[in-house]
Amino acid sequence: MKVLVIVAHPNKASFNHAIAYTCSKTLSDNGHEVIAHDLYDEHFDPILPFGEFPRDAELPPAVQRHCEEVSQADGIVIVHPNWWGQPPAILKGWVDRVIRPGVAYEFLEGDTGEGVPRGLLKADSAIIFNTSNTGTTREKTVFGDPLQLIWEDCVFGLCGVPKFHRRMFNIVVTSTEAERREWLSEVAATVNRFFPKGGT
């Protein structure tokens, strides 16, 4: 399988990068093709210019490459911290520029954009790994866990990806080395479950 792995965290020594590395290694060990992107390292430009709005717009080479990769991926894994109940701006910009009409979704003939689009992504599964310094109960009762809604319904549900899994690891700032090792074992187990050896 061809699996796209996206990490969005500015610190290469962060637990987010440890998660992304574990994902990529597990996928490779299982015989899958890994397409990995560190958006900060690549200096991905998150600003969506007006000229990219049309479906048939000419895209910059870097954005075009991301569009081709996400449309061809059999699976998608995204790793990012919870910042104000949202993805980091660089990842939000990646969604704005890459999860675009004609690539990830389309409107049916005669629909000028007011209806419910049809998903186009080939991926069968999407996994989101998040980190947070907010406890689970507070995240759900006080804030409503907006990242779950964003990724499951607003992005992957809309774009036709049938299987979705999200895991928030918290509280990272006070976590021990043993806890983080256990979390990484869980990451590997999750990747193994969705993308096992010999999976097609």
C-alpha atoms as a PDB file:
ATOM      1  CA  MET A   1       0.000   0.000   0.000  1.00  0.00           C
ATOM      2  CA  LYS A   2       1.020   3.609  -0.494  1.00  0.00           C
ATOM      3  CA  VAL A   3       0.614   5.569   2.755  1.00  0.00           C
ATOM      4  CA  LEU A   4       1.033   9.316   3.192  1.00  0.00           C
ATOM      5  CA  VAL A   5       2.457  10.459   6.552  1.00  0.00           C
ATOM      6  CA  ILE A   6       2.236  14.170   7.416  1.00  0.00           C
ATOM      7  CA  VAL A   7       3.744  15.705  10.562  1.00  0.00           C
ATOM      8  CA  ALA A   8       3.205  19.318  11.595  1.00  0.00           C
ATOM      9  CA  HIS A   9       5.356  20.348  14.559  1.00  0.00           C
ATOM     10  CA  PRO A  10       8.236  22.851  14.502  1.00  0.00           C
ATOM     11  CA  ASN A  11      10.415  20.933  16.996  1.00  0.00           C
ATOM     12  CA  LYS A  12      12.135  17.877  15.531  1.00  0.00           C
ATOM     13  CA  ALA A  13      12.760  16.617  19.072  1.00  0.00           C
ATOM     14  CA  SER A  14       9.041  16.706  19.879  1.00  0.00           C
ATOM     15  CA  PHE A  15       6.910  13.699  20.730  1.00  0.00           C
ATOM     16  CA  ASN A  16       4.978  14.438  17.512  1.00  0.00           C
ATOM     17  CA  HIS A  17       8.100  13.630  15.516  1.00  0.00           C
ATOM     18  CA  ALA A  18       8.626  10.464  17.537  1.00  0.00           C
ATOM     19  CA  ILE A  19       5.070   9.435  16.632  1.00  0.00           C
ATOM     20  CA  ALA A  20       5.620  10.219  12.948  1.00  0.00           C
ATOM     21  CA  TYR A  21       8.896   8.267  12.912  1.00  0.00           C
ATOM     22  CA  THR A  22       7.188   5.287  14.555  1.00  0.00           C
ATOM     23  CA  CYS A  23       4.419   5.422  11.954  1.00  0.00           C
ATOM     24  CA  SER A  24       6.841   5.558   9.027  1.00  0.00           C
ATOM     25  CA  LYS A  25       9.076   2.793  10.402  1.00  0.00           C
ATOM     26  CA  THR A  26       6.137   0.496  11.149  1.00  0.00           C
ATOM     27  CA  LEU A  27       4.698   1.047   7.694  1.00  0.00           C
ATOM     28  CA  SER A  28       8.069   0.373   6.041  1.00  0.00           C
ATOM     29  CA  ASP A  29       8.616  -2.730   8.171  1.00  0.00           C
ATOM     30  CA  ASN A  30       5.218  -3.961   6.991  1.00  0.00           C
ATOM     31  CA  GLY A  31       6.292  -3.584   3.377  1.00  0.00           C
ATOM     32  CA  HIS A  32       4.315  -0.470   2.503  1.00  0.00           C
ATOM     33  CA  GLU A  33       5.499   2.525   0.494  1.00  0.00           C
ATOM     34  CA  VAL A  34       5.771   5.565   2.757  1.00  0.00           C
ATOM     35  CA  ILE A  35       5.467   9.122   1.484  1.00  0.00           C
ATOM     36  CA  ALA A  36       6.517  11.299   4.424  1.00  0.00           C
ATOM     37  CA  HIS A  37       6.330  15.070   4.763  1.00  0.00           C
ATOM     38  CA  ASP A  38       7.497  17.332   7.583  1.00  0.00           C
ATOM     39  CA  LEU A  39       5.613  20.514   6.718  1.00  0.00           C
ATOM     40  CA  TYR A  40       7.812  22.788   8.848  1.00  0.00           C
ATOM     41  CA  ASP A  41      11.041  21.314   7.531  1.00  0.00           C
ATOM     42  CA  GLU A  42       9.782  21.773   3.976  1.00  0.00           C
ATOM     43  CA  HIS A  43       8.607  25.338   4.719  1.00  0.00           C
ATOM     44  CA  PHE A  44       5.209  24.525   3.247  1.00  0.00           C
ATOM     45  CA  ASP A  45       3.451  27.805   2.416  1.00  0.00           C
ATOM     46  CA  PRO A  46       0.028  27.663   4.141  1.00  0.00           C
ATOM     47  CA  ILE A  47      -1.421  30.728   2.433  1.00  0.00           C
ATOM     48  CA  LEU A  48      -4.106  29.922  -0.138  1.00  0.00           C
ATOM     49  CA  PRO A  49      -3.967  32.596  -2.859  1.00  0.00           C
ATOM     50  CA  PHE A  50      -7.112  33.571  -4.716  1.00  0.00           C
ATOM     51  CA  GLY A  51      -5.629  32.267  -7.961  1.00  0.00           C
ATOM     52  CA  GLU A  52      -5.811  28.701  -6.629  1.00  0.00           C
ATOM     53  CA  PHE A  53      -9.565  28.822  -6.013  1.00  0.00           C
ATOM     54  CA  PRO A  54     -10.681  27.472  -9.425  1.00  0.00           C
ATOM     55  CA  ARG A  55     -10.731  23.709  -9.817  1.00  0.00           C
ATOM     56  CA  ASP A  56      -8.555  23.929 -12.934  1.00  0.00           C
ATOM     57  CA  ALA A  57      -6.069  26.416 -11.448  1.00  0.00           C
ATOM     58  CA  GLU A  58      -2.394  26.021 -12.272  1.00  0.00           C
ATOM     59  CA  LEU A  59      -0.743  25.045  -8.991  1.00  0.00           C
ATOM     60  CA  PRO A  60       2.830  25.562  -7.804  1.00  0.00           C
ATOM     61  CA  PRO A  61       4.908  22.374  -8.239  1.00  0.00           C
ATOM     62  CA  ALA A  62       5.092  21.661  -4.486  1.00  0.00           C
ATOM     63  CA  VAL A  63       1.331  21.944  -4.049  1.00  0.00           C
ATOM     64  CA  GLN A  64       0.701  19.899  -7.188  1.00  0.00           C
ATOM     65  CA  ARG A  65       2.955  17.154  -5.830  1.00  0.00           C
ATOM     66  CA  HIS A  66       1.040  17.066  -2.540  1.00  0.00           C
ATOM     67  CA  CYS A  67      -2.256  16.907  -4.448  1.00  0.00           C
ATOM     68  CA  GLU A  68      -1.065  13.976  -6.531  1.00  0.00           C
ATOM     69  CA  GLU A  69       0.238  12.141  -3.464  1.00  0.00           C
ATOM     70  CA  VAL A  70      -2.912  12.554  -1.392  1.00  0.00           C
ATOM     71  CA  SER A  71      -5.117  11.489  -4.302  1.00  0.00           C
ATOM     72  CA  GLN A  72      -3.033   8.349  -4.923  1.00  0.00           C
ATOM     73  CA  ALA A  73      -2.574   7.337  -1.281  1.00  0.00           C
ATOM     74  CA  ASP A  74      -4.195   4.140  -0.017  1.00  0.00           C
ATOM     75  CA  GLY A  75      -3.937   5.469   3.531  1.00  0.00           C
ATOM     76  CA  ILE A  76      -3.258   8.775   5.283  1.00  0.00           C
ATOM     77  CA  VAL A  77      -1.629   9.402   8.673  1.00  0.00           C
ATOM     78  CA  ILE A  78      -1.439  12.914  10.131  1.00  0.00           C
ATOM     79  CA  VAL A  79       0.412  13.861  13.328  1.00  0.00           C
ATOM     80  CA  HIS A  80       0.027  17.246  15.009  1.00  0.00           C
ATOM     81  CA  PRO A  81      -0.410  18.981  18.366  1.00  0.00           C
ATOM     82  CA  ASN A  82      -3.683  20.409  19.598  1.00  0.00           C
ATOM     83  CA  TRP A  83      -3.250  24.185  19.395  1.00  0.00           C
ATOM     84  CA  TRP A  84      -6.341  26.082  20.548  1.00  0.00           C
ATOM     85  CA  GLY A  85      -8.535  23.147  19.512  1.00  0.00           C
ATOM     86  CA  GLN A  86      -7.157  23.371  15.976  1.00  0.00           C
ATOM     87  CA  PRO A  87      -4.292  22.054  13.852  1.00  0.00           C
ATOM     88  CA  PRO A  88      -1.229  24.324  13.554  1.00  0.00           C
ATOM     89  CA  ALA A  89      -1.672  27.005  10.891  1.00  0.00           C
ATOM     90  CA  ILE A  90       0.786  25.295   8.551  1.00  0.00           C
ATOM     91  CA  LEU A  91      -1.367  22.148   8.552  1.00  0.00           C
ATOM     92  CA  LYS A  92      -4.601  24.107   8.178  1.00  0.00           C
ATOM     93  CA  GLY A  93      -3.011  25.746   5.139  1.00  0.00           C
ATOM     94  CA  TRP A  94      -2.053  22.317   3.790  1.00  0.00           C
ATOM     95  CA  VAL A  95      -5.720  21.323   3.999  1.00  0.00           C
ATOM     96  CA  ASP A  96      -6.786  24.582   2.337  1.00  0.00           C
ATOM     97  CA  ARG A  97      -4.401  24.139  -0.602  1.00  0.00           C
ATOM     98  CA  VAL A  98      -4.267  20.349  -1.035  1.00  0.00           C
ATOM     99  CA  ILE A  99      -7.683  19.001   0.010  1.00  0.00           C
ATOM    100  CA  ARG A 100      -9.175  20.797  -2.931  1.00  0.00           C
ATOM    101  CA  PRO A 101     -11.970  20.317  -5.486  1.00  0.00           C
ATOM    102  CA  GLY A 102     -11.072  17.854  -8.183  1.00  0.00           C
ATOM    103  CA  VAL A 103      -8.536  16.222  -5.876  1.00  0.00           C
ATOM    104  CA  ALA A 104     -10.373  15.353  -2.665  1.00  0.00           C
ATOM    105  CA  TYR A 105     -14.014  16.087  -3.528  1.00  0.00           C
ATOM    106  CA  GLU A 106     -16.292  17.292  -6.299  1.00  0.00           C
ATOM    107  CA  PHE A 107     -19.769  18.690  -6.681  1.00  0.00           C
ATOM    108  CA  LEU A 108     -22.222  16.845  -8.877  1.00  0.00           C
ATOM    109  CA  GLU A 109     -23.196  18.198 -12.283  1.00  0.00           C
ATOM    110  CA  GLY A 110     -25.414  21.231 -11.997  1.00  0.00           C
ATOM    111  CA  ASP A 111     -24.335  21.905  -8.389  1.00  0.00           C
ATOM    112  CA  THR A 112     -22.736  25.326  -8.140  1.00  0.00           C
ATOM    113  CA  GLY A 113     -21.234  24.617  -4.732  1.00  0.00           C
ATOM    114  CA  GLU A 114     -24.244  24.771  -2.439  1.00  0.00           C
ATOM    115  CA  GLY A 115     -24.876  21.038  -2.173  1.00  0.00           C
ATOM    116  CA  VAL A 116     -23.189  18.049  -0.557  1.00  0.00           C
ATOM    117  CA  PRO A 117     -19.997  17.129  -2.401  1.00  0.00           C
ATOM    118  CA  ARG A 118     -18.877  13.648  -3.348  1.00  0.00           C
ATOM    119  CA  GLY A 119     -15.585  12.446  -1.882  1.00  0.00           C
ATOM    120  CA  LEU A 120     -12.796  11.552  -4.289  1.00  0.00           C
ATOM    121  CA  LEU A 121      -9.982  10.345  -2.069  1.00  0.00           C
ATOM    122  CA  LYS A 122      -8.808   6.819  -2.817  1.00  0.00           C
ATOM    123  CA  ALA A 123      -7.629   6.202   0.760  1.00  0.00           C
ATOM    124  CA  ASP A 124      -9.491   3.521   2.662  1.00  0.00           C
ATOM    125  CA  SER A 125      -8.224   4.644   6.085  1.00  0.00           C
ATOM    126  CA  ALA A 126      -7.116   7.847   7.790  1.00  0.00           C
ATOM    127  CA  ILE A 127      -5.411   8.031  11.183  1.00  0.00           C
ATOM    128  CA  ILE A 128      -4.886  11.184  13.216  1.00  0.00           C
ATOM    129  CA  PHE A 129      -2.457  11.238  16.154  1.00  0.00           C
ATOM    130  CA  ASN A 130      -2.634  14.322  18.379  1.00  0.00           C
ATOM    131  CA  THR A 131      -0.798  15.543  21.457  1.00  0.00           C
ATOM    132  CA  SER A 132      -2.253  17.812  24.102  1.00  0.00           C
ATOM    133  CA  ASN A 133      -1.663  19.228  27.568  1.00  0.00           C
ATOM    134  CA  THR A 134      -5.385  19.220  28.352  1.00  0.00           C
ATOM    135  CA  GLY A 135      -6.973  16.270  30.117  1.00  0.00           C
ATOM    136  CA  THR A 136      -9.443  14.117  28.190  1.00  0.00           C
ATOM    137  CA  THR A 137     -12.451  14.944  30.369  1.00  0.00           C
ATOM    138  CA  ARG A 138     -11.835  18.691  30.183  1.00  0.00           C
ATOM    139  CA  GLU A 139     -11.204  18.485  26.431  1.00  0.00           C
ATOM    140  CA  LYS A 140     -14.574  16.829  25.843  1.00  0.00           C
ATOM    141  CA  THR A 141     -16.780  18.535  28.439  1.00  0.00           C
ATOM    142  CA  VAL A 142     -15.405  22.082  28.250  1.00  0.00           C
ATOM    143  CA  PHE A 143     -14.174  22.367  24.667  1.00  0.00           C
ATOM    144  CA  GLY A 144     -16.213  19.694  22.858  1.00  0.00           C
ATOM    145  CA  ASP A 145     -13.148  18.058  21.254  1.00  0.00           C
ATOM    146  CA  PRO A 146     -13.256  20.139  18.041  1.00  0.00           C
ATOM    147  CA  LEU A 147     -10.401  18.213  16.415  1.00  0.00           C
ATOM    148  CA  GLN A 148     -12.579  15.103  16.240  1.00  0.00           C
ATOM    149  CA  LEU A 149     -15.256  17.014  14.331  1.00  0.00           C
ATOM    150  CA  ILE A 150     -12.736  18.728  12.058  1.00  0.00           C
ATOM    151  CA  TRP A 151     -10.919  15.596  10.949  1.00  0.00           C
ATOM    152  CA  GLU A 152     -13.627  12.933  11.019  1.00  0.00           C
ATOM    153  CA  ASP A 153     -16.565  14.876   9.602  1.00  0.00           C
ATOM    154  CA  CYS A 154     -15.318  18.061   7.971  1.00  0.00           C
ATOM    155  CA  VAL A 155     -12.301  16.572   6.190  1.00  0.00           C
ATOM    156  CA  PHE A 156     -12.179  12.804   5.781  1.00  0.00           C
ATOM    157  CA  GLY A 157     -15.890  12.103   6.004  1.00  0.00           C
ATOM    158  CA  LEU A 158     -16.581  14.713   3.359  1.00  0.00           C
ATOM    159  CA  CYS A 159     -13.778  13.416   1.147  1.00  0.00           C
ATOM    160  CA  GLY A 160     -14.994   9.811   1.131  1.00  0.00           C
ATOM    161  CA  VAL A 161     -12.522   8.037   3.421  1.00  0.00           C
ATOM    162  CA  PRO A 162     -14.561   5.232   5.051  1.00  0.00           C
ATOM    163  CA  LYS A 163     -12.315   4.256   7.987  1.00  0.00           C
ATOM    164  CA  PHE A 164     -11.173   6.825  10.520  1.00  0.00           C
ATOM    165  CA  HIS A 165      -9.228   6.598  13.764  1.00  0.00           C
ATOM    166  CA  ARG A 166      -7.998   9.376  16.028  1.00  0.00           C
ATOM    167  CA  ARG A 167      -5.965   9.177  19.217  1.00  0.00           C
ATOM    168  CA  MET A 168      -5.058  12.076  21.505  1.00  0.00           C
ATOM    169  CA  PHE A 169      -2.051  11.545  23.764  1.00  0.00           C
ATOM    170  CA  ASN A 170      -2.173  13.669  26.910  1.00  0.00           C
ATOM    171  CA  ILE A 171      -0.894  15.199  29.113  1.00  0.00           C
ATOM    172  CA  VAL A 172       2.461  15.317  27.304  1.00  0.00           C
ATOM    173  CA  VAL A 173       4.153  18.037  29.343  1.00  0.00           C
ATOM    174  CA  THR A 174       4.059  15.898  32.506  1.00  0.00           C
ATOM    175  CA  SER A 175       4.414  12.490  30.830  1.00  0.00           C
ATOM    176  CA  THR A 176       7.240  10.151  31.793  1.00  0.00           C
ATOM    177  CA  GLU A 177       9.622   8.393  29.460  1.00  0.00           C
ATOM    178  CA  ALA A 178       7.872   5.113  30.281  1.00  0.00           C
ATOM    179  CA  GLU A 179       4.468   6.604  29.371  1.00  0.00           C
ATOM    180  CA  ARG A 180       5.813   7.910  26.075  1.00  0.00           C
ATOM    181  CA  ARG A 181       7.318   4.498  25.236  1.00  0.00           C
ATOM    182  CA  GLU A 182       3.944   2.918  25.957  1.00  0.00           C
ATOM    183  CA  TRP A 183       2.214   5.487  23.750  1.00  0.00           C
ATOM    184  CA  LEU A 184       4.622   4.768  20.894  1.00  0.00           C
ATOM    185  CA  SER A 185       3.899   1.065  21.256  1.00  0.00           C
ATOM    186  CA  GLU A 186       0.216   1.935  20.895  1.00  0.00           C
ATOM    187  CA  VAL A 187       1.004   3.986  17.776  1.00  0.00           C
ATOM    188  CA  ALA A 188       2.789   1.013  16.219  1.00  0.00           C
ATOM    189  CA  ALA A 189      -0.062  -1.323  17.153  1.00  0.00           C
ATOM    190  CA  THR A 190      -2.603   1.040  15.584  1.00  0.00           C
ATOM    191  CA  VAL A 191      -0.609   1.295  12.366  1.00  0.00           C
ATOM    192  CA  ASN A 192      -0.266  -2.498  12.317  1.00  0.00           C
ATOM    193  CA  ARG A 193      -4.035  -2.849  12.692  1.00  0.00           C
ATOM    194  CA  PHE A 194      -4.879  -0.516   9.815  1.00  0.00           C
ATOM    195  CA  PHE A 195      -1.904  -1.300   7.566  1.00  0.00           C
ATOM    196  CA  PRO A 196      -0.740  -4.855   8.341  1.00  0.00           C
ATOM    197  CA  LYS A 197       2.002  -6.777   6.620  1.00  0.00           C
ATOM    198  CA  GLY A 198       0.817  -8.008   3.260  1.00  0.00           C
ATOM    199  CA  GLY A 199      -2.075  -5.548   3.281  1.00  0.00           C
ATOM    200  CA  THR A 200      -3.210  -4.348  -0.126  1.00  0.00           C
END
